[in-house]
């Protein structure tokens, strides 16, 4: 039996993290949540997730800071920015800092997540 893909959500909005956590868990994925950038970076080091979703705007440190610090971590996971910002400069900066992709939260549908995260979406 293949290992469950592990996902880390880094976002300081508990309502959003609970919603995404439920959706991802229902897809059969192993999900961890961090409500701050500092906590998220520690979990990246500790649990070594396969994929990280990070918000750009958080209280303690920005998603840009998380991306910058994650570059220093050996075997850095794939990091997808999941944000409300549709600003093209934010997108470009995130990708320059090592983000694998940049998703707008309103566009992050269950079907899109399933297609991206689950090898066999059936």
N, C-alpha and C. Protein backbone atom coordinates (compact mmCIF):
# COMPACT_ATOMS: atom_id res chain seq x y z
N UNK A 1 0.85 -1.18 0.00
CA UNK A 1 0.00 0.00 0.00
C UNK A 1 0.89 1.24 0.00
N UNK A 2 0.68 2.18 -0.93
CA UNK A 2 1.53 3.37 -1.00
C UNK A 2 1.32 4.28 0.21
N UNK A 3 2.39 4.99 0.55
CA UNK A 3 2.34 5.94 1.67
C UNK A 3 1.40 7.10 1.31
N UNK A 4 0.60 7.53 2.29
CA UNK A 4 -0.27 8.68 2.08
C UNK A 4 0.60 9.90 1.82
N UNK A 5 0.20 10.72 0.87
CA UNK A 5 0.89 11.98 0.62
C UNK A 5 0.61 12.90 1.81
N UNK A 6 1.66 13.53 2.33
CA UNK A 6 1.48 14.40 3.50
C UNK A 6 1.46 15.87 3.07
N UNK A 7 0.50 16.58 3.64
CA UNK A 7 0.26 17.97 3.31
C UNK A 7 0.39 18.80 4.58
N UNK A 8 1.01 19.97 4.46
CA UNK A 8 1.08 20.93 5.56
C UNK A 8 0.40 22.21 5.10
N UNK A 9 -0.59 22.67 5.87
CA UNK A 9 -1.26 23.94 5.62
C UNK A 9 -0.69 24.97 6.59
N UNK A 10 -0.19 26.09 6.05
CA UNK A 10 0.30 27.18 6.91
C UNK A 10 -0.56 28.40 6.63
N UNK A 11 -1.43 28.72 7.58
CA UNK A 11 -2.34 29.85 7.43
C UNK A 11 -2.84 30.23 8.81
N UNK A 12 -2.93 31.52 9.09
CA UNK A 12 -3.36 31.95 10.43
C UNK A 12 -4.88 32.09 10.56
N UNK A 13 -5.63 31.66 9.55
CA UNK A 13 -7.08 31.70 9.60
C UNK A 13 -7.61 30.31 9.97
N UNK A 14 -8.04 30.12 11.22
CA UNK A 14 -8.48 28.79 11.64
C UNK A 14 -9.70 28.26 10.89
N UNK A 15 -10.61 29.13 10.46
CA UNK A 15 -11.78 28.66 9.71
C UNK A 15 -11.35 28.08 8.36
N UNK A 16 -10.45 28.76 7.70
CA UNK A 16 -9.97 28.28 6.41
C UNK A 16 -9.18 26.99 6.56
N UNK A 17 -8.30 26.93 7.56
CA UNK A 17 -7.49 25.71 7.71
C UNK A 17 -8.37 24.51 8.04
N UNK A 18 -9.41 24.72 8.85
CA UNK A 18 -10.32 23.60 9.17
C UNK A 18 -11.04 23.12 7.91
N UNK A 19 -11.47 24.06 7.08
CA UNK A 19 -12.19 23.68 5.85
C UNK A 19 -11.27 22.91 4.92
N UNK A 20 -10.07 23.43 4.66
CA UNK A 20 -9.14 22.75 3.77
C UNK A 20 -8.66 21.43 4.37
N UNK A 21 -8.45 21.41 5.68
CA UNK A 21 -8.02 20.17 6.33
C UNK A 21 -9.05 19.07 6.11
N UNK A 22 -10.33 19.41 6.26
CA UNK A 22 -11.39 18.43 6.06
C UNK A 22 -11.43 17.90 4.64
N UNK A 23 -11.32 18.80 3.67
CA UNK A 23 -11.34 18.42 2.26
C UNK A 23 -10.16 17.50 1.94
N UNK A 24 -8.98 17.89 2.39
CA UNK A 24 -7.77 17.11 2.08
C UNK A 24 -7.78 15.76 2.78
N UNK A 25 -8.25 15.72 4.02
CA UNK A 25 -8.35 14.46 4.75
C UNK A 25 -9.33 13.52 4.05
N UNK A 26 -10.46 14.07 3.58
CA UNK A 26 -11.43 13.27 2.85
C UNK A 26 -10.85 12.69 1.56
N UNK A 27 -9.81 13.31 1.03
CA UNK A 27 -9.13 12.79 -0.17
C UNK A 27 -8.14 11.68 0.18
N UNK A 28 -8.03 11.37 1.47
CA UNK A 28 -7.11 10.32 1.88
C UNK A 28 -5.69 10.79 2.11
N UNK A 29 -5.52 12.09 2.29
CA UNK A 29 -4.19 12.66 2.51
C UNK A 29 -3.94 12.85 3.99
N UNK A 30 -2.68 12.80 4.37
CA UNK A 30 -2.28 13.08 5.75
C UNK A 30 -2.07 14.59 5.85
N UNK A 31 -2.79 15.26 6.76
CA UNK A 31 -2.78 16.72 6.82
C UNK A 31 -2.32 17.21 8.19
N UNK A 32 -1.39 18.16 8.17
CA UNK A 32 -0.98 18.87 9.38
C UNK A 32 -1.26 20.35 9.15
N UNK A 33 -1.46 21.08 10.24
CA UNK A 33 -1.80 22.50 10.16
C UNK A 33 -0.88 23.31 11.06
N UNK A 34 -0.42 24.44 10.54
CA UNK A 34 0.33 25.42 11.34
C UNK A 34 -0.38 26.76 11.20
N UNK A 35 -0.58 27.43 12.33
CA UNK A 35 -1.28 28.71 12.29
C UNK A 35 -0.34 29.90 12.32
N UNK A 36 0.93 29.66 12.05
CA UNK A 36 1.90 30.75 11.94
C UNK A 36 3.05 30.28 11.05
N UNK A 37 3.75 31.25 10.50
CA UNK A 37 4.90 30.91 9.67
C UNK A 37 6.00 30.22 10.46
N UNK A 38 6.22 30.69 11.69
CA UNK A 38 7.26 30.10 12.54
C UNK A 38 6.94 28.63 12.82
N UNK A 39 5.69 28.37 13.21
CA UNK A 39 5.26 27.00 13.47
C UNK A 39 5.35 26.16 12.18
N UNK A 40 4.99 26.75 11.06
CA UNK A 40 5.04 26.04 9.79
C UNK A 40 6.45 25.62 9.41
N UNK A 41 7.41 26.53 9.58
CA UNK A 41 8.81 26.19 9.27
C UNK A 41 9.30 25.06 10.16
N UNK A 42 8.90 25.08 11.43
CA UNK A 42 9.32 23.99 12.33
C UNK A 42 8.72 22.66 11.89
N UNK A 43 7.46 22.69 11.47
CA UNK A 43 6.83 21.45 11.01
C UNK A 43 7.45 20.96 9.70
N UNK A 44 7.85 21.87 8.82
CA UNK A 44 8.54 21.45 7.60
C UNK A 44 9.79 20.66 7.97
N UNK A 45 10.52 21.15 8.96
CA UNK A 45 11.74 20.44 9.40
C UNK A 45 11.41 19.11 10.09
N UNK A 46 10.37 19.13 10.93
CA UNK A 46 10.06 17.97 11.77
C UNK A 46 9.35 16.84 11.02
N UNK A 47 8.31 17.18 10.27
CA UNK A 47 7.49 16.13 9.66
C UNK A 47 7.81 15.89 8.19
N UNK A 48 8.56 16.79 7.58
CA UNK A 48 8.98 16.65 6.18
C UNK A 48 7.80 16.33 5.26
N UNK A 49 6.84 17.27 5.16
CA UNK A 49 5.67 17.02 4.32
C UNK A 49 6.05 16.96 2.84
N UNK A 50 5.20 16.31 2.06
CA UNK A 50 5.41 16.25 0.61
C UNK A 50 5.10 17.59 -0.05
N UNK A 51 4.00 18.22 0.40
CA UNK A 51 3.55 19.49 -0.18
C UNK A 51 3.12 20.43 0.94
N UNK A 52 3.48 21.69 0.79
CA UNK A 52 3.09 22.73 1.74
C UNK A 52 2.23 23.77 1.00
N UNK A 53 1.12 24.13 1.61
CA UNK A 53 0.33 25.27 1.14
C UNK A 53 0.54 26.38 2.15
N UNK A 54 0.95 27.57 1.68
CA UNK A 54 1.22 28.68 2.59
C UNK A 54 0.50 29.94 2.13
N UNK A 55 -0.08 30.65 3.09
CA UNK A 55 -0.70 31.94 2.82
C UNK A 55 0.39 33.00 2.78
N UNK A 56 0.15 34.08 2.07
CA UNK A 56 1.13 35.17 2.04
C UNK A 56 0.99 36.11 3.22
N UNK A 57 -0.24 36.38 3.63
CA UNK A 57 -0.49 37.38 4.67
C UNK A 57 -0.83 36.70 5.99
N UNK A 58 0.15 36.70 6.89
CA UNK A 58 -0.06 36.14 8.23
C UNK A 58 0.50 37.12 9.25
N UNK A 59 0.11 36.97 10.51
CA UNK A 59 0.48 37.92 11.54
C UNK A 59 1.95 37.89 11.92
N UNK A 60 2.54 36.72 12.08
CA UNK A 60 3.91 36.66 12.62
C UNK A 60 4.98 36.80 11.56
N UNK A 61 4.77 36.20 10.43
CA UNK A 61 5.71 36.34 9.31
C UNK A 61 4.95 36.05 8.02
N UNK A 62 5.37 36.67 6.96
CA UNK A 62 4.64 36.52 5.70
C UNK A 62 4.99 35.20 5.02
N UNK A 63 4.18 34.82 4.07
CA UNK A 63 4.48 33.67 3.26
C UNK A 63 5.78 33.85 2.48
N UNK A 64 6.08 35.11 2.13
CA UNK A 64 7.36 35.39 1.46
C UNK A 64 8.52 35.01 2.38
N UNK A 65 8.38 35.35 3.67
CA UNK A 65 9.43 35.00 4.64
C UNK A 65 9.54 33.48 4.79
N UNK A 66 8.40 32.80 4.80
CA UNK A 66 8.42 31.34 4.89
C UNK A 66 9.15 30.76 3.68
N UNK A 67 8.85 31.26 2.49
CA UNK A 67 9.52 30.78 1.28
C UNK A 67 11.03 31.01 1.36
N UNK A 68 11.42 32.18 1.83
CA UNK A 68 12.85 32.51 1.94
C UNK A 68 13.54 31.56 2.91
N UNK A 69 12.94 31.35 4.08
CA UNK A 69 13.54 30.48 5.09
C UNK A 69 13.51 29.01 4.66
N UNK A 70 12.48 28.61 3.93
CA UNK A 70 12.38 27.22 3.49
C UNK A 70 13.50 26.85 2.52
N UNK A 71 14.04 27.83 1.82
CA UNK A 71 15.15 27.56 0.90
C UNK A 71 16.37 27.02 1.64
N UNK A 72 16.48 27.32 2.93
CA UNK A 72 17.62 26.89 3.74
C UNK A 72 17.45 25.47 4.29
N UNK A 73 16.27 24.89 4.09
CA UNK A 73 15.97 23.57 4.62
C UNK A 73 16.37 22.51 3.60
N UNK A 74 17.15 21.54 4.06
CA UNK A 74 17.55 20.45 3.19
C UNK A 74 16.32 19.65 2.78
N UNK A 75 16.28 19.24 1.53
CA UNK A 75 15.14 18.49 0.99
C UNK A 75 13.82 19.24 1.17
N UNK A 76 13.85 20.52 0.85
CA UNK A 76 12.66 21.38 0.95
C UNK A 76 11.50 20.76 0.16
N UNK A 77 10.30 20.77 0.74
CA UNK A 77 9.15 20.21 0.02
C UNK A 77 8.66 21.18 -1.05
N UNK A 78 7.77 20.68 -1.86
CA UNK A 78 7.07 21.52 -2.83
C UNK A 78 6.20 22.49 -2.04
N UNK A 79 6.25 23.78 -2.38
CA UNK A 79 5.47 24.79 -1.66
C UNK A 79 4.58 25.54 -2.65
N UNK A 80 3.28 25.52 -2.36
CA UNK A 80 2.30 26.22 -3.18
C UNK A 80 1.73 27.37 -2.34
N UNK A 81 1.79 28.56 -2.90
CA UNK A 81 1.18 29.71 -2.23
C UNK A 81 -0.32 29.62 -2.45
N UNK A 82 -1.07 29.76 -1.37
CA UNK A 82 -2.54 29.73 -1.41
C UNK A 82 -3.00 31.02 -0.75
N UNK A 83 -3.42 32.00 -1.53
CA UNK A 83 -3.64 33.34 -1.03
C UNK A 83 -4.86 34.00 -1.67
N UNK A 84 -5.29 35.11 -1.11
CA UNK A 84 -6.35 35.91 -1.73
C UNK A 84 -5.76 36.94 -2.69
N UNK A 85 -4.46 37.17 -2.61
CA UNK A 85 -3.83 38.21 -3.43
C UNK A 85 -3.77 37.81 -4.90
N UNK A 86 -4.39 38.63 -5.72
CA UNK A 86 -4.33 38.43 -7.17
C UNK A 86 -3.28 39.35 -7.80
N UNK A 87 -2.46 39.97 -6.97
CA UNK A 87 -1.44 40.91 -7.41
C UNK A 87 -0.34 40.17 -8.18
N UNK A 88 -0.08 40.58 -9.40
CA UNK A 88 0.91 39.92 -10.25
C UNK A 88 2.31 40.03 -9.66
N UNK A 89 2.62 41.15 -8.99
CA UNK A 89 3.93 41.30 -8.35
C UNK A 89 4.11 40.29 -7.22
N UNK A 90 3.04 40.05 -6.44
CA UNK A 90 3.10 39.03 -5.38
C UNK A 90 3.35 37.66 -6.00
N UNK A 91 2.63 37.36 -7.06
CA UNK A 91 2.80 36.06 -7.74
C UNK A 91 4.24 35.89 -8.21
N UNK A 92 4.75 36.89 -8.91
CA UNK A 92 6.11 36.80 -9.44
C UNK A 92 7.14 36.66 -8.33
N UNK A 93 6.96 37.43 -7.26
CA UNK A 93 7.90 37.36 -6.14
C UNK A 93 7.88 35.97 -5.50
N UNK A 94 6.68 35.44 -5.28
CA UNK A 94 6.56 34.11 -4.67
C UNK A 94 7.25 33.05 -5.52
N UNK A 95 7.05 33.11 -6.81
CA UNK A 95 7.68 32.13 -7.70
C UNK A 95 9.20 32.31 -7.72
N UNK A 96 9.66 33.55 -7.68
CA UNK A 96 11.11 33.81 -7.62
C UNK A 96 11.72 33.28 -6.32
N UNK A 97 10.94 33.28 -5.25
CA UNK A 97 11.43 32.80 -3.95
C UNK A 97 11.32 31.28 -3.81
N UNK A 98 10.85 30.61 -4.84
CA UNK A 98 10.85 29.15 -4.81
C UNK A 98 9.50 28.48 -4.73
N UNK A 99 8.41 29.24 -4.77
CA UNK A 99 7.10 28.59 -4.77
C UNK A 99 6.95 27.77 -6.05
N UNK A 100 6.35 26.60 -5.91
CA UNK A 100 6.09 25.73 -7.05
C UNK A 100 4.95 26.25 -7.89
N UNK A 101 3.96 26.84 -7.20
CA UNK A 101 2.78 27.35 -7.89
C UNK A 101 2.14 28.42 -7.02
N UNK A 102 1.19 29.12 -7.58
CA UNK A 102 0.53 30.24 -6.90
C UNK A 102 -0.96 30.11 -7.16
N UNK A 103 -1.73 29.79 -6.11
CA UNK A 103 -3.16 29.60 -6.26
C UNK A 103 -3.91 30.70 -5.52
N UNK A 104 -4.96 31.20 -6.15
CA UNK A 104 -5.86 32.14 -5.51
C UNK A 104 -6.89 31.31 -4.74
N UNK A 105 -7.11 31.66 -3.47
CA UNK A 105 -8.00 30.85 -2.61
C UNK A 105 -9.37 30.64 -3.23
N UNK A 106 -9.93 31.66 -3.84
CA UNK A 106 -11.27 31.51 -4.42
C UNK A 106 -11.29 30.54 -5.60
N UNK A 107 -10.11 30.29 -6.20
CA UNK A 107 -10.01 29.36 -7.33
C UNK A 107 -9.62 27.95 -6.89
N UNK A 108 -9.27 27.76 -5.63
CA UNK A 108 -8.76 26.47 -5.15
C UNK A 108 -9.92 25.53 -4.84
N UNK A 109 -10.57 25.07 -5.88
CA UNK A 109 -11.72 24.19 -5.71
C UNK A 109 -11.28 22.79 -5.31
N UNK A 110 -12.22 22.04 -4.80
CA UNK A 110 -11.95 20.65 -4.42
C UNK A 110 -11.46 19.87 -5.64
N UNK A 111 -12.09 20.08 -6.79
CA UNK A 111 -11.69 19.36 -8.00
C UNK A 111 -10.26 19.70 -8.40
N UNK A 112 -9.87 20.96 -8.30
CA UNK A 112 -8.50 21.35 -8.65
C UNK A 112 -7.51 20.69 -7.69
N UNK A 113 -7.83 20.72 -6.40
CA UNK A 113 -6.94 20.11 -5.41
C UNK A 113 -6.82 18.61 -5.67
N UNK A 114 -7.94 17.96 -5.91
CA UNK A 114 -7.93 16.52 -6.14
C UNK A 114 -7.08 16.19 -7.37
N UNK A 115 -7.25 16.94 -8.44
CA UNK A 115 -6.49 16.68 -9.67
C UNK A 115 -4.99 16.87 -9.44
N UNK A 116 -4.65 17.83 -8.61
CA UNK A 116 -3.23 18.11 -8.36
C UNK A 116 -2.60 17.15 -7.36
N UNK A 117 -3.36 16.79 -6.34
CA UNK A 117 -2.79 16.06 -5.20
C UNK A 117 -2.98 14.56 -5.23
N UNK A 118 -3.98 14.09 -5.89
CA UNK A 118 -4.30 12.66 -5.86
C UNK A 118 -4.03 12.07 -7.24
N UNK A 119 -3.17 11.08 -7.28
CA UNK A 119 -2.78 10.47 -8.55
C UNK A 119 -3.97 9.92 -9.32
N UNK A 120 -4.85 9.23 -8.61
CA UNK A 120 -6.05 8.66 -9.24
C UNK A 120 -7.27 9.29 -8.59
N UNK A 121 -7.84 10.35 -9.19
CA UNK A 121 -8.92 11.09 -8.54
C UNK A 121 -10.25 10.35 -8.46
N UNK A 122 -10.32 9.12 -8.90
CA UNK A 122 -11.58 8.38 -8.83
C UNK A 122 -11.79 7.75 -7.48
